[in-house]
Amino acid sequence: MNHAGEIALQKFHREQVAGKTRLSFEELFIVFSNAFVFLSTMPKSQPAVKAIYGRIGKGSDPSYGDYLGWINRALANKFRK
């Protein structure tokens, strides 16, 4: 999951202006959908990703680091159970 999330972000970033480090909801939806298209259990609907977006960004557009940190926390929680 971590690797897929990182690769999707790298592919997205290559197409962006130099110095870009934040994701709007629409951009996060694209990155998230591309990263986890192979996982049938991951929520990929707009309302589900919007809820995740709110948690990642805490009221503002999340940074790339916020996005990758969320993936790492999600993985840690999954394997703790």
Protein backbone atom coordinates (compact mmCIF):
# COMPACT_ATOMS: atom_id res chain seq x y z
CA MET A 1 0.00 0.00 0.00
CA ASN A 2 2.80 2.40 0.89
CA HIS A 3 4.64 1.68 -2.36
CA ALA A 4 1.48 2.08 -4.48
CA GLY A 5 0.66 5.37 -2.77
CA GLU A 6 4.16 6.69 -3.30
CA ILE A 7 4.33 5.66 -6.97
CA ALA A 8 0.98 7.30 -7.73
CA LEU A 9 2.17 10.53 -6.09
CA GLN A 10 5.45 10.44 -8.05
CA LYS A 11 3.60 9.96 -11.36
CA PHE A 12 1.24 12.82 -10.51
CA HIS A 13 4.08 15.10 -9.40
CA ARG A 14 5.99 14.67 -12.68
CA GLU A 15 3.12 16.42 -14.49
CA GLN A 16 2.95 19.38 -12.07
CA VAL A 17 4.71 22.75 -11.93
CA ALA A 18 8.08 22.79 -10.19
CA GLY A 19 7.87 23.27 -6.43
CA LYS A 20 4.29 21.98 -6.01
CA THR A 21 3.89 20.16 -2.68
CA ARG A 22 0.15 20.29 -1.85
CA LEU A 23 -2.90 18.45 -3.16
CA SER A 24 -6.38 19.87 -3.70
CA PHE A 25 -9.29 17.48 -3.12
CA GLU A 26 -9.61 16.87 -6.87
CA GLU A 27 -5.89 16.09 -7.13
CA LEU A 28 -5.95 13.82 -4.09
CA PHE A 29 -8.92 11.97 -5.57
CA ILE A 30 -6.92 11.32 -8.76
CA VAL A 31 -3.79 10.23 -6.88
CA PHE A 32 -5.77 8.09 -4.42
CA SER A 33 -7.82 6.42 -7.16
CA ASN A 34 -4.73 5.66 -9.25
CA ALA A 35 -2.80 4.38 -6.25
CA PHE A 36 -5.43 2.00 -4.92
CA VAL A 37 -7.40 0.97 -8.00
CA PHE A 38 -6.17 -2.60 -7.46
CA LEU A 39 -7.55 -2.78 -3.90
CA SER A 40 -11.21 -3.67 -3.91
CA THR A 41 -11.52 -2.91 -0.18
CA MET A 42 -10.22 0.68 -0.32
CA PRO A 43 -12.91 3.38 -0.51
CA LYS A 44 -12.63 5.17 -3.83
CA SER A 45 -15.96 7.02 -4.04
CA GLN A 46 -15.81 10.82 -3.86
CA PRO A 47 -17.60 11.01 -0.48
CA ALA A 48 -15.25 8.43 1.06
CA VAL A 49 -12.13 10.11 -0.28
CA LYS A 50 -13.52 13.51 0.82
CA ALA A 51 -13.70 12.19 4.40
CA ILE A 52 -10.11 10.95 4.17
CA TYR A 53 -9.05 14.28 2.64
CA GLY A 54 -10.48 16.12 5.66
CA ARG A 55 -8.52 13.91 8.04
CA ILE A 56 -5.27 14.17 6.09
CA GLY A 57 -5.33 17.95 5.57
CA LYS A 58 -6.94 18.91 8.89
CA GLY A 59 -8.82 21.81 7.29
CA SER A 60 -6.47 22.72 4.44
CA ASP A 61 -4.99 21.14 1.34
CA PRO A 62 -2.71 18.33 2.54
CA SER A 63 0.95 18.31 1.65
CA TYR A 64 2.55 15.37 -0.10
CA GLY A 65 4.07 14.48 3.27
CA ASP A 66 0.63 14.56 4.93
CA TYR A 67 -0.66 12.12 2.29
CA LEU A 68 2.25 9.70 2.68
CA GLY A 69 2.04 9.97 6.47
CA TRP A 70 -1.63 8.99 6.34
CA ILE A 71 -0.74 5.90 4.31
CA ASN A 72 1.91 4.91 6.86
CA ARG A 73 -0.49 5.43 9.78
CA ALA A 74 -3.19 3.41 7.99
CA LEU A 75 -0.71 0.56 7.50
CA ALA A 76 0.44 0.70 11.12
CA ASN A 77 -3.17 0.56 12.35
CA LYS A 78 -3.99 -2.35 10.05
CA PHE A 79 -1.12 -4.48 11.30
CA ARG A 80 -1.69 -3.58 14.96
CA LYS A 81 -5.03 -5.38 14.90
